[in-house]
Protein backbone atom coordinates (compact mmCIF):
# COMPACT_ATOMS: atom_id res chain seq x y z
CA UNK A 1 0.00 0.00 0.00
CA UNK A 2 1.38 3.38 -0.98
CA UNK A 3 1.94 6.19 1.47
CA UNK A 4 -0.66 8.27 -0.36
CA UNK A 5 -3.27 5.53 0.11
CA UNK A 6 -2.36 5.19 3.79
CA UNK A 7 -2.75 8.97 4.30
CA UNK A 8 -6.05 8.99 2.41
CA UNK A 9 -7.41 6.09 4.45
CA UNK A 10 -6.25 7.74 7.70
CA UNK A 11 -7.86 11.02 6.72
CA UNK A 12 -11.16 9.28 5.91
CA UNK A 13 -11.05 7.41 9.22
CA UNK A 14 -10.32 10.57 11.18
CA UNK A 15 -13.03 12.40 9.29
CA UNK A 16 -15.61 9.77 10.12
CA UNK A 17 -14.58 9.88 13.78
CA UNK A 18 -14.83 13.69 13.88
CA UNK A 19 -18.16 13.70 12.06
CA UNK A 20 -19.56 11.11 14.41
CA UNK A 21 -18.27 13.01 17.41
CA UNK A 22 -19.27 16.51 16.37
CA UNK A 23 -22.73 16.58 18.02
CA UNK A 24 -21.20 15.69 21.37
CA UNK A 25 -18.38 18.20 20.93
CA UNK A 26 -20.55 21.09 19.72
CA UNK A 27 -20.76 23.93 22.23
CA UNK A 28 -24.28 25.09 23.10
CA UNK A 29 -24.39 28.89 23.39
CA UNK A 30 -27.28 31.04 24.62
CA UNK A 31 -27.27 34.62 23.34
CA UNK A 32 -29.15 36.68 25.89
CA UNK A 33 -30.13 40.36 25.51
CA UNK A 34 -30.06 42.07 28.90
CA UNK A 35 -31.37 45.65 28.46
CA UNK A 36 -28.40 47.44 30.02
CA UNK A 37 -24.88 47.30 31.45
CA UNK A 38 -24.76 46.02 35.06
CA UNK A 39 -23.65 48.63 37.57
CA UNK A 40 -21.97 45.91 39.63
CA UNK A 41 -21.52 42.15 40.03
CA UNK A 42 -21.00 42.51 43.77
CA UNK A 43 -23.93 41.00 45.64
CA UNK A 44 -23.66 43.63 48.36
CA UNK A 45 -24.16 46.50 45.93
CA UNK A 46 -26.62 45.12 43.41
CA UNK A 47 -30.12 46.57 43.06
CA UNK A 48 -31.63 46.04 39.59
CA UNK A 49 -32.92 43.02 37.71
CA UNK A 50 -30.47 43.14 34.82
CA UNK A 51 -27.76 42.53 37.43
CA UNK A 52 -29.81 39.78 39.06
CA UNK A 53 -30.19 37.90 35.78
CA UNK A 54 -26.40 37.58 35.58
CA UNK A 55 -25.66 37.09 39.27
CA UNK A 56 -28.16 34.25 39.66
CA UNK A 57 -26.48 32.36 36.84
CA UNK A 58 -23.15 32.77 38.63
CA UNK A 59 -24.14 32.29 42.27
CA UNK A 60 -26.70 30.13 44.04
CA UNK A 61 -28.44 31.15 47.23
CA UNK A 62 -29.86 28.90 49.91
CA UNK A 63 -33.09 28.98 47.93
CA UNK A 64 -33.74 29.71 44.25
CA UNK A 65 -36.69 30.24 41.92
CA UNK A 66 -37.42 27.38 39.55
CA UNK A 67 -38.49 27.86 35.93
CA UNK A 68 -42.09 28.47 37.01
CA UNK A 69 -41.07 31.16 39.53
CA UNK A 70 -41.58 29.00 42.61
CA UNK A 71 -39.15 28.80 45.55
CA UNK A 72 -37.17 25.53 45.61
CA UNK A 73 -33.96 24.35 47.33
CA UNK A 74 -30.73 25.87 46.03
CA UNK A 75 -27.41 25.51 47.83
CA UNK A 76 -29.43 24.27 50.80
CA UNK A 77 -30.91 20.84 50.23
CA UNK A 78 -33.33 20.96 53.17
CA UNK A 79 -34.35 23.23 56.04
CA UNK A 80 -36.36 23.15 59.24
CA UNK A 81 -38.25 25.95 60.98
CA UNK A 82 -38.76 26.12 64.75
CA UNK A 83 -42.29 26.06 66.13
CA UNK A 84 -42.16 29.77 67.00
CA UNK A 85 -41.22 30.65 63.40
CA UNK A 86 -37.96 32.30 64.44
CA UNK A 87 -35.14 29.83 63.74
CA UNK A 88 -34.32 28.28 60.36
CA UNK A 89 -31.78 25.45 60.19
CA UNK A 90 -30.43 24.84 56.69
CA UNK A 91 -28.55 21.75 55.55
CA UNK A 92 -26.20 22.60 52.68
CA UNK A 93 -25.73 20.11 49.88
CA UNK A 94 -22.81 17.78 50.58
CA UNK A 95 -21.61 18.21 46.98
CA UNK A 96 -22.04 22.01 46.81
CA UNK A 97 -18.71 23.42 45.62
CA UNK A 98 -17.18 26.66 44.44
CA UNK A 99 -15.88 26.89 40.89
CA UNK A 100 -12.33 26.41 42.21
CA UNK A 101 -13.38 23.01 43.59
CA UNK A 102 -13.45 24.01 47.25
CA UNK A 103 -16.57 23.17 49.31
CA UNK A 104 -19.35 25.70 49.89
CA UNK A 105 -19.63 26.01 53.66
CA UNK A 106 -22.01 27.49 56.18
CA UNK A 107 -19.14 29.81 57.09
CA UNK A 108 -19.25 31.28 53.58
CA UNK A 109 -22.91 32.21 54.08
CA UNK A 110 -22.20 33.67 57.53
CA UNK A 111 -19.39 35.76 56.05
CA UNK A 112 -21.54 36.92 53.11
CA UNK A 113 -24.55 37.92 55.20
CA UNK A 114 -22.37 39.69 57.76
CA UNK A 115 -20.63 41.57 54.95
CA UNK A 116 -23.97 42.83 53.59
CA UNK A 117 -25.03 44.17 56.99
CA UNK A 118 -21.62 45.54 57.96
CA UNK A 119 -21.98 49.36 57.81
CA UNK A 120 -18.47 49.55 56.34
CA UNK A 121 -19.77 47.76 53.23
CA UNK A 122 -22.49 50.39 52.72
CA UNK A 123 -24.75 47.89 50.97
CA UNK A 124 -27.67 49.80 49.49
CA UNK A 125 -29.99 46.80 49.79
CA UNK A 126 -29.03 45.78 53.34
CA UNK A 127 -32.58 46.46 54.52
CA UNK A 128 -33.98 43.49 52.60
CA UNK A 129 -32.40 41.20 55.20
CA UNK A 130 -33.53 43.20 58.23
CA UNK A 131 -35.84 40.33 59.31
CA UNK A 132 -32.63 38.56 60.44
CA UNK A 133 -32.03 39.09 64.15
CA UNK A 134 -29.97 42.22 64.87
CA UNK A 135 -29.52 42.95 61.13
CA UNK A 136 -30.82 46.50 61.37
CA UNK A 137 -28.81 47.20 64.54
CA UNK A 138 -25.65 45.84 62.93
CA UNK A 139 -26.25 47.90 59.80
CA UNK A 140 -26.68 51.06 61.89
CA UNK A 141 -23.50 50.33 63.83
CA UNK A 142 -25.36 49.81 67.10
CA UNK A 143 -24.05 46.28 67.71
CA UNK A 144 -20.98 44.44 66.31
CA UNK A 145 -21.24 42.37 63.13
CA UNK A 146 -20.78 39.08 65.01
CA UNK A 147 -24.13 39.70 66.73
CA UNK A 148 -26.00 39.12 63.47
CA UNK A 149 -28.40 36.17 63.85
CA UNK A 150 -26.48 33.78 61.58
CA UNK A 151 -24.36 30.88 62.84
CA UNK A 152 -22.44 27.99 61.30
CA UNK A 153 -23.29 24.92 63.39
CA UNK A 154 -20.82 22.96 61.27
CA UNK A 155 -19.51 23.23 57.70
CA UNK A 156 -22.80 22.09 56.19
CA UNK A 157 -25.32 23.37 58.76
CA UNK A 158 -26.40 27.01 58.89
CA UNK A 159 -28.70 28.49 61.52
CA UNK A 160 -30.52 31.78 60.92
CA UNK A 161 -32.50 33.43 63.71
CA UNK A 162 -35.12 36.06 62.88
CA UNK A 163 -36.34 39.15 64.71
CA UNK A 164 -39.93 38.10 64.05
CA UNK A 165 -41.77 35.43 62.07
CA UNK A 166 -41.39 36.35 58.41
CA UNK A 167 -43.59 34.29 56.07
CA UNK A 168 -41.69 35.42 52.96
CA UNK A 169 -38.19 34.80 54.36
CA UNK A 170 -37.38 31.95 51.95
CA UNK A 171 -38.09 34.35 49.08
CA UNK A 172 -35.69 36.91 50.59
CA UNK A 173 -32.97 34.28 50.58
CA UNK A 174 -33.40 33.88 46.80
CA UNK A 175 -32.73 37.60 46.29
CA UNK A 176 -29.36 38.55 44.80
CA UNK A 177 -28.36 40.37 48.00
CA UNK A 178 -28.43 37.04 49.86
CA UNK A 179 -26.19 35.26 47.34
CA UNK A 180 -22.97 33.92 48.90
CA UNK A 181 -19.39 34.76 48.07
CA UNK A 182 -16.36 32.61 48.81
CA UNK A 183 -14.79 33.90 52.02
CA UNK A 184 -11.38 32.61 50.92
CA UNK A 185 -11.68 34.27 47.51
CA UNK A 186 -12.72 37.62 48.97
CA UNK A 187 -9.97 37.59 51.58
CA UNK A 188 -7.45 36.87 48.82
CA UNK A 189 -8.69 39.27 46.13
CA UNK A 190 -10.73 41.93 47.93
CA UNK A 191 -12.85 44.09 45.61
CA UNK A 192 -11.31 42.32 42.60
CA UNK A 193 -13.30 39.17 43.44
CA UNK A 194 -15.88 40.21 40.82
CA UNK A 195 -13.44 40.18 37.89
CA UNK A 196 -13.22 37.50 35.18
CA UNK A 197 -10.46 35.04 35.96
CA UNK A 198 -10.69 35.98 39.64
CA UNK A 199 -14.35 35.39 40.52
CA UNK A 200 -15.09 32.13 42.31
CA UNK A 201 -18.78 31.25 42.00
CA UNK A 202 -21.05 28.45 43.23
CA UNK A 203 -23.79 28.64 40.61
CA UNK A 204 -24.31 26.80 37.35
CA UNK A 205 -21.90 29.13 35.54
CA UNK A 206 -18.60 30.93 36.05
CA UNK A 207 -17.54 34.33 34.72
CA UNK A 208 -15.01 34.09 31.87
CA UNK A 209 -15.10 37.48 30.15
CA UNK A 210 -16.60 40.95 30.48
CA UNK A 211 -16.22 43.71 27.91
CA UNK A 212 -18.23 46.64 29.35
CA UNK A 213 -21.09 47.81 27.13
CA UNK A 214 -20.43 44.94 24.72
CA UNK A 215 -20.67 41.42 26.15
CA UNK A 216 -20.47 39.48 29.39
CA UNK A 217 -19.71 35.77 29.03
CA UNK A 218 -20.31 32.95 31.50
CA UNK A 219 -19.49 29.27 30.97
CA UNK A 220 -20.74 26.10 32.60
CA UNK A 221 -19.19 25.55 36.03
CA UNK A 222 -17.79 21.97 36.08
CA UNK A 223 -17.81 22.00 39.90
CA UNK A 224 -21.53 22.81 40.17
CA UNK A 225 -23.43 20.13 42.08
CA UNK A 226 -26.06 19.75 39.32
CA UNK A 227 -23.74 20.23 36.35
CA UNK A 228 -25.04 17.11 34.59
CA UNK A 229 -28.45 18.74 34.19
CA UNK A 230 -27.13 22.06 32.86
CA UNK A 231 -27.77 21.90 29.12
CA UNK A 232 -26.27 25.19 27.94
CA UNK A 233 -22.47 25.42 27.88
CA UNK A 234 -22.06 29.16 27.49
CA UNK A 235 -24.26 32.23 27.99
CA UNK A 236 -23.36 35.55 26.39
CA UNK A 237 -25.20 38.55 27.87
CA UNK A 238 -25.57 41.62 25.63
CA UNK A 239 -26.19 44.84 27.60
CA UNK A 240 -28.30 46.56 24.94
CA UNK A 241 -30.47 49.39 26.24
CA UNK A 242 -31.37 50.43 22.68
CA UNK A 243 -34.61 48.50 22.31
CA UNK A 244 -34.86 48.89 18.55
CA UNK A 245 -31.34 47.49 18.14
CA UNK A 246 -32.20 44.64 20.50
CA UNK A 247 -35.27 43.70 18.43
CA UNK A 248 -33.27 43.87 15.19
CA UNK A 249 -30.65 41.51 16.59
CA UNK A 250 -33.34 39.12 17.76
CA UNK A 251 -35.05 39.20 14.35
CA UNK A 252 -31.67 38.55 12.73
CA UNK A 253 -31.32 35.50 15.01
CA UNK A 254 -28.23 37.00 16.64
CA UNK A 255 -29.92 36.74 20.05
CA UNK A 256 -32.12 34.02 21.51
CA UNK A 257 -33.65 36.18 24.24
CA UNK A 258 -34.36 39.91 24.32
CA UNK A 259 -35.58 41.56 27.51
CA UNK A 260 -37.89 44.55 27.03
CA UNK A 261 -38.93 45.99 23.72
CA UNK A 262 -40.81 49.10 22.72
CA UNK A 263 -44.49 48.48 23.46
CA UNK A 264 -45.62 50.32 20.33
CA UNK A 265 -44.05 47.43 18.41
CA UNK A 266 -46.19 44.83 20.17
CA UNK A 267 -48.74 44.20 17.41
CA UNK A 268 -46.14 44.27 14.64
CA UNK A 269 -43.94 41.81 16.51
CA UNK A 270 -46.86 39.53 17.27
CA UNK A 271 -47.64 39.55 13.56
CA UNK A 272 -44.11 38.62 12.50
CA UNK A 273 -42.86 36.59 15.46
CA UNK A 274 -46.04 34.97 16.76
CA UNK A 275 -45.64 33.08 20.03
CA UNK A 276 -42.02 34.22 20.36
CA UNK A 277 -43.49 37.42 21.85
CA UNK A 278 -44.14 37.02 25.58
CA UNK A 279 -46.18 39.47 27.68
CA UNK A 280 -46.41 38.20 31.25
CA UNK A 281 -48.19 39.99 34.15
CA UNK A 282 -45.73 40.97 36.86
CA UNK A 283 -45.82 42.13 40.45
CA UNK A 284 -44.40 45.47 39.36
CA UNK A 285 -45.29 49.17 39.51
CA UNK A 286 -44.22 51.97 37.17
CA UNK A 287 -44.25 55.28 39.06
CA UNK A 288 -42.99 58.85 39.24
CA UNK A 289 -41.30 60.08 42.43
CA UNK A 290 -41.37 63.70 43.59
CA UNK A 291 -38.38 65.19 45.42
CA UNK A 292 -40.10 66.29 48.63
CA UNK A 293 -36.95 68.07 49.85
CA UNK A 294 -37.64 71.10 47.70
CA UNK A 295 -40.48 73.37 46.63
CA UNK A 296 -42.97 73.03 45.15
CA UNK A 297 -42.80 69.22 45.53
CA UNK A 298 -42.71 69.56 49.33
CA UNK A 299 -46.34 70.72 49.02
CA UNK A 300 -48.84 67.82 49.01
CA UNK A 301 -51.26 69.93 46.95
CA UNK A 302 -48.75 70.24 44.12
CA UNK A 303 -47.91 66.53 44.21
CA UNK A 304 -51.57 65.55 44.15
CA UNK A 305 -52.36 68.00 41.36
CA UNK A 306 -49.54 66.75 39.17
CA UNK A 307 -50.55 63.14 39.78
CA UNK A 308 -54.24 63.81 39.03
CA UNK A 309 -53.41 65.48 35.73
CA UNK A 310 -51.73 62.34 34.35
CA UNK A 311 -54.11 60.41 32.09
CA UNK A 312 -53.08 56.86 32.94
CA UNK A 313 -55.56 55.32 30.51
CA UNK A 314 -53.79 57.12 27.67
CA UNK A 315 -50.40 55.85 28.83
CA UNK A 316 -51.61 52.26 29.07
CA UNK A 317 -53.53 52.16 25.78
CA UNK A 318 -51.62 54.47 23.48
CA UNK A 319 -48.03 54.00 24.65
CA UNK A 320 -48.09 50.44 25.96
CA UNK A 321 -50.74 49.06 23.56
CA UNK A 322 -52.65 47.56 26.48
CA UNK A 323 -49.67 45.53 27.69
CA UNK A 324 -49.75 47.49 30.96
CA UNK A 325 -52.69 48.66 33.08
CA UNK A 326 -53.51 52.08 34.63
CA UNK A 327 -52.51 52.14 38.29
CA UNK A 328 -53.54 54.27 41.26
CA UNK A 329 -51.93 52.17 44.02
CA UNK A 330 -48.32 51.57 44.93
CA UNK A 331 -48.93 47.86 45.57
CA UNK A 332 -49.77 46.05 42.32
CA UNK A 333 -52.82 43.77 42.12
CA UNK A 334 -52.38 40.03 42.56
CA UNK A 335 -50.75 39.98 45.99
CA UNK A 336 -52.52 36.97 47.46
CA UNK A 337 -51.87 37.74 51.15
CA UNK A 338 -52.92 41.41 50.83
CA UNK A 339 -56.12 41.68 48.83
CA UNK A 340 -57.22 44.68 46.79
CA UNK A 341 -54.69 47.53 47.11
CA UNK A 342 -55.65 50.96 48.46
CA UNK A 343 -56.11 53.33 45.52
CA UNK A 344 -55.73 57.10 45.44
CA UNK A 345 -59.03 58.81 46.34
CA UNK A 346 -59.29 60.29 42.83
CA UNK A 347 -59.02 56.92 41.07
CA UNK A 348 -62.75 56.59 40.35
CA UNK A 349 -63.24 60.13 39.04
CA UNK A 350 -63.25 60.94 35.34
CA UNK A 351 -60.12 62.46 33.88
CA UNK A 352 -61.92 65.78 33.33
CA UNK A 353 -63.01 65.91 36.99
CA UNK A 354 -59.47 65.10 38.10
CA UNK A 355 -58.08 67.92 35.99
CA UNK A 356 -60.61 70.40 37.40
CA UNK A 357 -59.68 69.43 40.96
CA UNK A 358 -55.97 69.51 40.08
CA UNK A 359 -56.30 73.10 38.84
CA UNK A 360 -57.95 74.13 42.11
CA UNK A 361 -55.21 72.49 44.20
CA UNK A 362 -52.44 74.04 42.11
CA UNK A 363 -54.07 77.48 42.43
CA UNK A 364 -54.36 77.04 46.22
CA UNK A 365 -50.65 76.22 46.31
CA UNK A 366 -49.90 79.43 44.40
CA UNK A 367 -48.64 77.92 41.15
CA UNK A 368 -49.74 77.90 37.54
CA UNK A 369 -51.88 80.51 35.82
CA UNK A 370 -51.93 83.70 37.89
CA UNK A 371 -49.35 82.32 40.31
CA UNK A 372 -45.72 81.30 40.39
CA UNK A 373 -44.48 79.59 37.22
CA UNK A 374 -44.06 75.82 37.17
CA UNK A 375 -40.68 74.70 35.81
CA UNK A 376 -40.49 70.91 35.94
CA UNK A 377 -37.69 68.56 34.95
CA UNK A 378 -38.54 64.89 34.41
CA UNK A 379 -35.68 62.43 34.77
CA UNK A 380 -35.91 58.94 33.27
CA UNK A 381 -33.64 56.06 32.30
CA UNK A 382 -32.93 55.78 28.58
CA UNK A 383 -35.67 53.74 26.96
CA UNK A 384 -38.15 54.53 24.14
CA UNK A 385 -41.17 53.63 26.28
CA UNK A 386 -40.01 55.84 29.17
CA UNK A 387 -39.30 58.67 26.75
CA UNK A 388 -42.81 58.44 25.30
CA UNK A 389 -44.34 58.37 28.79
CA UNK A 390 -42.29 61.41 29.85
CA UNK A 391 -43.22 63.27 26.65
CA UNK A 392 -46.91 62.50 27.16
CA UNK A 393 -46.85 63.50 30.85
CA UNK A 394 -44.98 66.70 30.00
CA UNK A 395 -47.70 67.54 27.46
CA UNK A 396 -50.44 66.85 30.05
CA UNK A 397 -48.79 69.15 32.59
CA UNK A 398 -48.27 71.87 29.97
CA UNK A 399 -51.90 71.72 28.83
CA UNK A 400 -53.38 71.55 32.34
CA UNK A 401 -51.16 73.98 34.27
CA UNK A 402 -49.18 75.88 31.62
CA UNK A 403 -46.05 74.26 33.06
CA UNK A 404 -42.68 74.49 31.35
CA UNK A 405 -41.40 70.91 31.29
CA UNK A 406 -37.98 69.64 30.28
CA UNK A 407 -36.58 66.11 30.25
CA UNK A 408 -33.23 64.52 31.00
CA UNK A 409 -32.24 60.89 30.61
CA UNK A 410 -29.35 58.65 31.65
CA UNK A 411 -28.54 55.00 31.07
CA UNK A 412 -30.29 52.69 33.53
CA UNK A 413 -27.31 52.18 35.86
CA UNK A 414 -26.45 55.88 36.05
CA UNK A 415 -30.09 56.89 36.52
CA UNK A 416 -30.63 54.65 39.53
CA UNK A 417 -27.19 55.35 40.96
CA UNK A 418 -28.02 59.07 40.90
CA UNK A 419 -31.31 58.52 42.74
CA UNK A 420 -29.90 56.03 45.25
CA UNK A 421 -27.01 58.34 46.11
CA UNK A 422 -29.40 61.15 47.00
CA UNK A 423 -29.15 63.30 43.88
CA UNK A 424 -31.68 66.14 43.75
CA UNK A 425 -34.39 66.19 41.11
CA UNK A 426 -37.92 67.41 40.45
CA UNK A 427 -39.71 64.34 39.13
CA UNK A 428 -38.06 61.00 38.43
CA UNK A 429 -39.29 57.89 36.69
CA UNK A 430 -38.84 54.66 38.65
CA UNK A 431 -40.09 51.10 38.59
CA UNK A 432 -40.26 48.46 41.27
CA UNK A 433 -40.48 44.73 40.67
CA UNK A 434 -41.36 42.61 43.71
CA UNK A 435 -38.40 41.05 45.47
CA UNK A 436 -40.95 38.90 47.28
CA UNK A 437 -44.74 38.62 47.07
CA UNK A 438 -45.69 40.89 49.96
CA UNK A 439 -47.14 44.42 50.03
CA UNK A 440 -44.42 45.49 52.48
CA UNK A 441 -41.86 45.26 49.66
CA UNK A 442 -43.53 48.16 47.83
CA UNK A 443 -44.56 50.25 50.83
CA UNK A 444 -41.18 50.05 52.57
CA UNK A 445 -39.73 52.10 49.70
CA UNK A 446 -41.27 55.21 51.27
CA UNK A 447 -40.23 54.66 54.90
CA UNK A 448 -38.14 57.65 55.99
CA UNK A 449 -35.28 55.40 57.19
CA UNK A 450 -34.95 53.85 53.71
CA UNK A 451 -32.10 56.04 52.47
CA UNK A 452 -31.52 54.03 49.29
CA UNK A 453 -34.93 53.61 47.67
CA UNK A 454 -36.96 56.47 49.16
CA UNK A 455 -35.83 58.57 46.21
CA UNK A 456 -38.00 61.57 47.07
CA UNK A 457 -36.93 61.54 50.76
CA UNK A 458 -40.55 61.43 51.92
CA UNK A 459 -41.00 61.69 55.70
CA UNK A 460 -44.26 61.05 57.50
CA UNK A 461 -44.39 59.91 61.12
CA UNK A 462 -47.83 58.32 60.83
CA UNK A 463 -46.79 56.30 57.79
CA UNK A 464 -43.57 55.19 59.51
CA UNK A 465 -45.53 54.18 62.63
CA UNK A 466 -47.96 52.03 60.63
CA UNK A 467 -45.12 50.31 58.84
CA UNK A 468 -43.26 49.74 62.12
CA UNK A 469 -46.37 48.16 63.67
CA UNK A 470 -46.74 45.84 60.69
CA UNK A 471 -43.30 44.37 61.36
CA UNK A 472 -44.23 43.14 64.83
CA UNK A 473 -47.83 42.13 64.11
CA UNK A 474 -48.19 38.34 63.85
CA UNK A 475 -51.90 38.17 63.03
CA UNK A 476 -51.99 38.12 59.18
CA UNK A 477 -55.35 39.89 58.99
CA UNK A 478 -54.33 42.69 61.35
CA UNK A 479 -50.98 43.02 59.58
CA UNK A 480 -52.67 43.39 56.19
CA UNK A 481 -54.94 46.12 57.60
CA UNK A 482 -51.91 48.03 58.92
CA UNK A 483 -50.25 47.85 55.51
CA UNK A 484 -53.49 48.87 53.80
CA UNK A 485 -53.81 51.91 56.09
CA UNK A 486 -50.17 52.80 55.33
CA UNK A 487 -50.85 52.61 51.60
CA UNK A 488 -53.99 54.74 52.02
CA UNK A 489 -51.90 57.45 53.68
CA UNK A 490 -49.20 57.15 51.02
CA UNK A 491 -51.72 57.55 48.21
CA UNK A 492 -53.20 60.60 49.95
CA UNK A 493 -49.78 62.24 50.24
CA UNK A 494 -48.60 61.20 46.75
CA UNK A 495 -44.80 61.40 47.26
CA UNK A 496 -44.93 58.71 44.59
CA UNK A 497 -47.45 58.71 41.76
CA UNK A 498 -48.14 55.18 40.53
CA UNK A 499 -48.88 55.25 36.82
CA UNK A 500 -48.94 51.69 35.53
CA UNK A 501 -49.15 48.10 36.72
CA UNK A 502 -46.42 46.51 34.67
CA UNK A 503 -46.02 43.44 32.54
CA UNK A 504 -42.72 41.92 31.50
CA UNK A 505 -41.96 41.99 27.79
CA UNK A 506 -39.65 39.30 26.36
CA UNK A 507 -38.76 37.94 22.96
CA UNK A 508 -38.01 34.22 23.28
CA UNK A 509 -36.70 32.27 20.31
CA UNK A 510 -38.51 29.09 19.35
CA UNK A 511 -35.13 27.39 19.76
CA UNK A 512 -35.37 27.89 23.52
CA UNK A 513 -36.91 25.09 25.53
CA UNK A 514 -37.83 25.17 29.22
CA UNK A 515 -38.94 28.82 29.28
CA UNK A 516 -41.93 29.60 31.50
CA UNK A 517 -43.47 33.03 31.94
CA UNK A 518 -43.83 33.83 35.64
CA UNK A 519 -44.78 36.82 37.81
CA UNK A 520 -41.41 36.72 39.58
CA UNK A 521 -39.66 37.26 36.21
CA UNK A 522 -37.07 34.65 37.17
CA UNK A 523 -35.41 32.83 34.27
CA UNK A 524 -32.20 31.05 35.25
CA UNK A 525 -30.21 29.83 32.25
CA UNK A 526 -29.69 26.46 34.00
CA UNK A 527 -33.36 25.60 33.38
CA UNK A 528 -33.16 26.33 29.65
CA UNK A 529 -31.99 24.30 26.68
CA UNK A 530 -31.60 24.93 22.95
CA UNK A 531 -33.18 22.78 20.23
CA UNK A 532 -31.14 23.01 17.04
């Protein structure tokens, strides 16, 4: 046999081997549009959902949301609750490991939770874990960090003691703020622990690359306890806040998922993409906040007048094509343990009657026609829908009060950073998606002690007292009434003007399997697969 024939035969043999092996060797990649650049990948400083989508692929809390949006075991395999509802004992999975192969321990969770509450960390979302015993006192510097109610019984047993029974505590533990970090990794790398090549994670994926404002890439974590059931090898997140560009890339099949699109495109997209367009009701409120630190927004009459003059039906129908609903309450409908939310007292009046009353209030306050001029600046995060809402609201205020209205926008991270850091404003667009299914999550935003999310710095002793009472009340019916009364007061004062009850808008390729719309808007990549 000649050398040429030997080489040809070898090449054919190798080719058949490679062809036969190619399906097994092919890398499965999910291209995921993410609606904006994350401000941080540090659990202690995260606050928005586009960060959570990434962080929950990288890290796994004691509990997680499954594909249907239900709480299921995560890093903890089981847990017990004491009869008085105050002490949780979690058993961590024996095979739970960090991406460097080291075991995930109860000590890692103790370290992580203490770090969030440590005032030196200045975690903006520390309050979400205030149900943990001494958490608020630790965060205020009143007691040392080691007094936080978390304890490692042994490497795989974690005990958490609460201040009071908290029926939604397991949901809090699935929040990105409660995600663990490797104590050893943090002590070695400090603030650099979030960087690609440095980050040690315990979730289904590990961070391999991050090019700001371009792509963020995560790859399957071979040390993950459930790695055999993770179908997607690599996820590439695209931080595109330009919704039109995001839709174009989805239509060009460059992305498999696109989060948020311009609502005026809803019918067109349904016509061309069919069931790839997903509109799912969410526990979420779209609202405007007034900066109560300055005139005229310190005057309840001005706030109420401005809120009354907004035609919410127009916003819902004309801007959002019916994908969102008019709202007059801070708590969205559908909260099972709360009932019907408390609406603003003008909710049932016609728009014309509201405008007439708004004019009277504004005149009483000394503004508008015949009074001091109204110069209003509306701030919003860059987004075509938000721009259209702001433009429409500006037009309503001009027509009703003769106001001079200007607008300013920033990217989503910068917008919320500005508000959370106490930046002054007139009127600011904001949205809140439930961290857990309880009315308190929406009402606590306006408690005076909430320095991070009380954007307008609203202060009302009666409101604070009602909220404080709700935290110690163990009778569910009485507690709901306290929260309802707090919302009634909030809607009377209008430091926040709820405009819309939101829905989540997604484009989901037909290639994606395992996707389930859910009110929690939780969609871990580990539950998805791709059908080629």
